[in-house]
Every structure is written in structure tokens, then in C-alpha cells.
Amino acid sequence: MSETPTEATDVPEPAEEPSYDPAAPAPLGIERTPTDNAEVDAQLERLGDVDHLAADGHVEVYEDVHQGLRNALTALDAGSSPSPSDFRS
């Protein structure tokens, strides 16, 4: 006599997923001191945008600010580098 397949009755029901409700974004309250350089100050102010974003949105702001600061530093270096005429006597 062959056995017919039966439904498994010993399979436990899946547990409910625990609910997770993260806290809303909140400002860190970090003071940003002006540098007297408009480009750098604008980038530092941009950092304040993360105060209103969830953590997964911070990376985009940080990368944007990092690139902006690199551009500002490059511009400062380009403006302060000596020209070839400065080496002529």
C-alpha cells in the first residue's frame, strides 16, 4: 500500500515582524562659525540640511558639501599660486 502525501501540521506559524518606528529627524544643534569665505560658509550652511533628513539622506548632503569644499579650496589654490612672471628678476 502506498502512502499519500499529507499536509505538514508541525510547521510553526511565522512570528510577527516587530514594529519599528524611528524617531523623526532632529537638529543636532551644532553651531557653525562663519569663515569669512562666502563659498565655504555656503557649504557649511548646507550641512544644516541633514538636521531635517533621515540618516539615509545624510550621505548625499555630505558628498555634496565635500565636493563643494574641494572646489572652494581648488579655487583658493588657483588664485594664490604664483604666476610665471613672479619668478622673473
N, C-alpha and C. Protein backbone atom coordinates (compact mmCIF):
# COMPACT_ATOMS: atom_id res chain seq x y z
N MET A 1 0.83 -1.14 0.00
CA MET A 1 0.00 0.00 0.00
C MET A 1 0.90 1.24 0.00
N SER A 2 0.60 2.22 -0.85
CA SER A 2 1.42 3.43 -0.90
C SER A 2 0.81 4.51 -0.03
N GLU A 3 1.74 5.30 0.54
CA GLU A 3 1.27 6.38 1.40
C GLU A 3 0.96 7.61 0.55
N THR A 4 -0.09 8.28 0.88
CA THR A 4 -0.42 9.51 0.17
C THR A 4 0.16 10.68 0.95
N PRO A 5 0.67 11.68 0.23
CA PRO A 5 1.24 12.84 0.94
C PRO A 5 0.18 13.56 1.76
N THR A 6 0.57 13.97 2.93
CA THR A 6 -0.33 14.72 3.79
C THR A 6 0.29 16.07 4.10
N GLU A 7 -0.55 16.99 4.49
CA GLU A 7 -0.03 18.32 4.83
C GLU A 7 0.76 18.23 6.13
N ALA A 8 1.82 19.00 6.17
CA ALA A 8 2.62 19.04 7.39
C ALA A 8 1.89 19.89 8.41
N THR A 9 1.68 19.29 9.56
CA THR A 9 0.96 20.02 10.60
C THR A 9 1.89 20.54 11.68
N ASP A 10 3.18 20.20 11.58
CA ASP A 10 4.11 20.63 12.62
C ASP A 10 4.92 21.87 12.21
N VAL A 11 4.52 22.58 11.17
CA VAL A 11 5.23 23.78 10.73
C VAL A 11 4.72 24.95 11.56
N PRO A 12 5.63 25.63 12.29
CA PRO A 12 5.18 26.75 13.12
C PRO A 12 4.79 27.94 12.26
N GLU A 13 3.87 28.71 12.75
CA GLU A 13 3.46 29.92 12.04
C GLU A 13 4.59 30.94 12.15
N PRO A 14 4.79 31.76 11.11
CA PRO A 14 5.85 32.77 11.19
C PRO A 14 5.53 33.79 12.26
N ALA A 15 6.58 34.20 12.98
CA ALA A 15 6.40 35.20 14.03
C ALA A 15 6.13 36.55 13.38
N GLU A 16 5.39 37.38 14.06
CA GLU A 16 5.11 38.71 13.54
C GLU A 16 6.40 39.53 13.55
N GLU A 17 6.55 40.35 12.50
CA GLU A 17 7.70 41.25 12.43
C GLU A 17 7.54 42.30 13.53
N PRO A 18 8.60 42.55 14.28
CA PRO A 18 8.48 43.60 15.29
C PRO A 18 8.33 44.95 14.60
N SER A 19 7.47 45.79 15.11
CA SER A 19 7.30 47.09 14.50
C SER A 19 8.41 48.01 14.99
N TYR A 20 8.89 48.84 14.09
CA TYR A 20 9.96 49.78 14.42
C TYR A 20 9.55 51.14 13.89
N ASP A 21 9.44 52.07 14.75
CA ASP A 21 9.05 53.42 14.38
C ASP A 21 10.18 54.35 14.80
N PRO A 22 11.10 54.67 13.86
CA PRO A 22 12.23 55.53 14.23
C PRO A 22 11.77 56.93 14.59
N ALA A 23 12.56 57.57 15.40
CA ALA A 23 12.27 58.95 15.78
C ALA A 23 12.43 59.85 14.57
N ALA A 24 11.73 60.92 14.55
CA ALA A 24 11.84 61.89 13.45
C ALA A 24 13.20 62.56 13.50
N PRO A 25 13.70 63.02 12.34
CA PRO A 25 14.98 63.74 12.34
C PRO A 25 14.90 64.95 13.26
N ALA A 26 15.99 65.21 13.92
CA ALA A 26 16.04 66.34 14.85
C ALA A 26 17.38 67.06 14.70
N PRO A 27 17.38 68.38 14.80
CA PRO A 27 18.63 69.13 14.69
C PRO A 27 19.61 68.73 15.78
N LEU A 28 20.89 68.70 15.42
CA LEU A 28 21.93 68.36 16.39
C LEU A 28 22.32 69.57 17.22
N GLY A 29 22.00 70.76 16.72
CA GLY A 29 22.32 71.97 17.48
C GLY A 29 23.79 72.33 17.45
N ILE A 30 24.49 71.95 16.39
CA ILE A 30 25.91 72.27 16.28
C ILE A 30 26.05 73.64 15.64
N GLU A 31 26.76 74.51 16.31
CA GLU A 31 26.96 75.86 15.80
C GLU A 31 28.02 75.86 14.71
N ARG A 32 27.72 76.55 13.62
CA ARG A 32 28.67 76.69 12.52
C ARG A 32 29.22 78.11 12.54
N THR A 33 30.51 78.23 12.73
CA THR A 33 31.17 79.53 12.81
C THR A 33 31.53 80.01 11.42
N PRO A 34 31.13 81.25 11.06
CA PRO A 34 31.47 81.78 9.74
C PRO A 34 32.98 81.86 9.54
N THR A 35 33.40 81.63 8.29
CA THR A 35 34.82 81.64 7.97
C THR A 35 35.24 82.90 7.22
N ASP A 36 34.29 83.74 6.87
CA ASP A 36 34.52 84.95 6.06
C ASP A 36 34.85 84.60 4.61
N ASN A 37 34.63 83.37 4.21
CA ASN A 37 34.74 82.97 2.81
C ASN A 37 33.34 82.53 2.39
N ALA A 38 32.74 83.26 1.48
CA ALA A 38 31.34 83.02 1.10
C ALA A 38 31.10 81.59 0.60
N GLU A 39 32.02 81.06 -0.20
CA GLU A 39 31.83 79.70 -0.74
C GLU A 39 31.88 78.66 0.38
N VAL A 40 32.84 78.79 1.27
CA VAL A 40 32.98 77.83 2.37
C VAL A 40 31.79 77.96 3.32
N ASP A 41 31.40 79.19 3.63
CA ASP A 41 30.27 79.40 4.52
C ASP A 41 28.99 78.80 3.95
N ALA A 42 28.80 78.92 2.63
CA ALA A 42 27.62 78.33 1.99
C ALA A 42 27.62 76.81 2.14
N GLN A 43 28.79 76.19 2.02
CA GLN A 43 28.88 74.74 2.17
C GLN A 43 28.62 74.32 3.62
N LEU A 44 29.13 75.10 4.57
CA LEU A 44 28.88 74.78 5.97
C LEU A 44 27.40 74.93 6.31
N GLU A 45 26.75 75.92 5.74
CA GLU A 45 25.31 76.07 5.96
C GLU A 45 24.55 74.90 5.36
N ARG A 46 25.03 74.38 4.25
CA ARG A 46 24.40 73.22 3.59
C ARG A 46 24.39 72.02 4.54
N LEU A 47 25.39 71.93 5.40
CA LEU A 47 25.42 70.82 6.36
C LEU A 47 24.18 70.83 7.26
N GLY A 48 23.60 71.99 7.46
CA GLY A 48 22.40 72.09 8.27
C GLY A 48 21.22 71.35 7.67
N ASP A 49 21.29 71.04 6.38
CA ASP A 49 20.20 70.30 5.73
C ASP A 49 20.01 68.91 6.33
N VAL A 50 21.07 68.33 6.86
CA VAL A 50 20.94 66.98 7.43
C VAL A 50 20.09 66.97 8.69
N ASP A 51 19.92 68.14 9.30
CA ASP A 51 19.08 68.21 10.50
C ASP A 51 17.63 67.83 10.22
N HIS A 52 17.23 67.91 8.96
CA HIS A 52 15.84 67.65 8.60
C HIS A 52 15.67 66.38 7.77
N LEU A 53 16.74 65.60 7.65
CA LEU A 53 16.70 64.38 6.85
C LEU A 53 16.89 63.15 7.72
N ALA A 54 16.33 62.05 7.26
CA ALA A 54 16.62 60.76 7.90
C ALA A 54 18.08 60.41 7.61
N ALA A 55 18.64 59.54 8.40
CA ALA A 55 20.07 59.20 8.28
C ALA A 55 20.45 58.75 6.88
N ASP A 56 19.57 58.05 6.18
CA ASP A 56 19.94 57.58 4.84
C ASP A 56 20.03 58.73 3.83
N GLY A 57 19.61 59.92 4.18
CA GLY A 57 19.74 61.07 3.30
C GLY A 57 20.98 61.89 3.57
N HIS A 58 21.70 61.58 4.63
CA HIS A 58 22.89 62.35 5.00
C HIS A 58 24.02 62.21 3.99
N VAL A 59 24.20 61.03 3.46
CA VAL A 59 25.35 60.77 2.58
C VAL A 59 25.35 61.72 1.39
N GLU A 60 24.21 61.91 0.78
CA GLU A 60 24.14 62.80 -0.38
C GLU A 60 24.57 64.22 -0.02
N VAL A 61 24.12 64.71 1.13
CA VAL A 61 24.49 66.06 1.56
C VAL A 61 25.98 66.11 1.86
N TYR A 62 26.50 65.12 2.58
CA TYR A 62 27.93 65.13 2.92
C TYR A 62 28.80 65.09 1.66
N GLU A 63 28.42 64.27 0.69
CA GLU A 63 29.20 64.20 -0.55
C GLU A 63 29.14 65.52 -1.30
N ASP A 64 27.97 66.14 -1.32
CA ASP A 64 27.81 67.44 -1.99
C ASP A 64 28.67 68.50 -1.31
N VAL A 65 28.64 68.54 0.01
CA VAL A 65 29.43 69.53 0.75
C VAL A 65 30.92 69.26 0.56
N HIS A 66 31.31 68.00 0.59
CA HIS A 66 32.72 67.66 0.40
C HIS A 66 33.21 68.14 -0.96
N GLN A 67 32.42 67.91 -2.00
CA GLN A 67 32.81 68.36 -3.33
C GLN A 67 32.86 69.88 -3.40
N GLY A 68 31.90 70.53 -2.77
CA GLY A 68 31.89 71.99 -2.76
C GLY A 68 33.11 72.57 -2.04
N LEU A 69 33.50 71.96 -0.93
CA LEU A 69 34.69 72.42 -0.21
C LEU A 69 35.95 72.16 -1.02
N ARG A 70 36.02 71.04 -1.70
CA ARG A 70 37.18 70.76 -2.56
C ARG A 70 37.27 71.81 -3.67
N ASN A 71 36.13 72.15 -4.26
CA ASN A 71 36.12 73.17 -5.31
C ASN A 71 36.57 74.52 -4.77
N ALA A 72 36.11 74.88 -3.57
CA ALA A 72 36.50 76.15 -2.96
C ALA A 72 38.00 76.17 -2.68
N LEU A 73 38.54 75.07 -2.18
CA LEU A 73 39.98 75.01 -1.91
C LEU A 73 40.78 75.07 -3.21
N THR A 74 40.30 74.40 -4.23
CA THR A 74 40.99 74.44 -5.52
C THR A 74 41.01 75.86 -6.06
N ALA A 75 39.88 76.56 -5.93
CA ALA A 75 39.80 77.95 -6.39
C ALA A 75 40.76 78.84 -5.60
N LEU A 76 40.85 78.60 -4.29
CA LEU A 76 41.79 79.38 -3.48
C LEU A 76 43.23 79.11 -3.89
N ASP A 77 43.54 77.85 -4.14
CA ASP A 77 44.90 77.49 -4.57
C ASP A 77 45.21 78.12 -5.93
N ALA A 78 44.26 78.10 -6.83
CA ALA A 78 44.48 78.65 -8.16
C ALA A 78 44.67 80.16 -8.09
N GLY A 79 43.97 80.81 -7.20
CA GLY A 79 44.08 82.26 -7.08
C GLY A 79 45.32 82.71 -6.35
N SER A 80 45.90 81.86 -5.53
CA SER A 80 47.07 82.27 -4.75
C SER A 80 48.38 81.73 -5.29
N SER A 81 48.32 80.91 -6.32
CA SER A 81 49.57 80.35 -6.84
C SER A 81 50.33 81.43 -7.61
N PRO A 82 51.62 81.43 -7.47
CA PRO A 82 52.41 82.46 -8.16
C PRO A 82 52.36 82.27 -9.67
N SER A 83 52.36 83.37 -10.37
CA SER A 83 52.38 83.30 -11.84
C SER A 83 53.82 83.22 -12.30
N PRO A 84 54.06 82.78 -13.52
CA PRO A 84 55.44 82.65 -14.01
C PRO A 84 56.20 83.99 -13.94
N SER A 85 55.48 85.10 -14.09
CA SER A 85 56.16 86.40 -14.04
C SER A 85 56.69 86.72 -12.66
N ASP A 86 56.15 86.08 -11.62
CA ASP A 86 56.64 86.32 -10.26
C ASP A 86 58.05 85.77 -10.05
N PHE A 87 58.49 84.88 -10.92
CA PHE A 87 59.82 84.27 -10.76
C PHE A 87 60.87 84.98 -11.59
N ARG A 88 60.49 85.93 -12.41
CA ARG A 88 61.45 86.65 -13.25
C ARG A 88 62.09 87.77 -12.42
N SER A 89 63.36 87.99 -12.64
CA SER A 89 64.03 89.08 -11.92
C SER A 89 64.20 90.27 -12.81
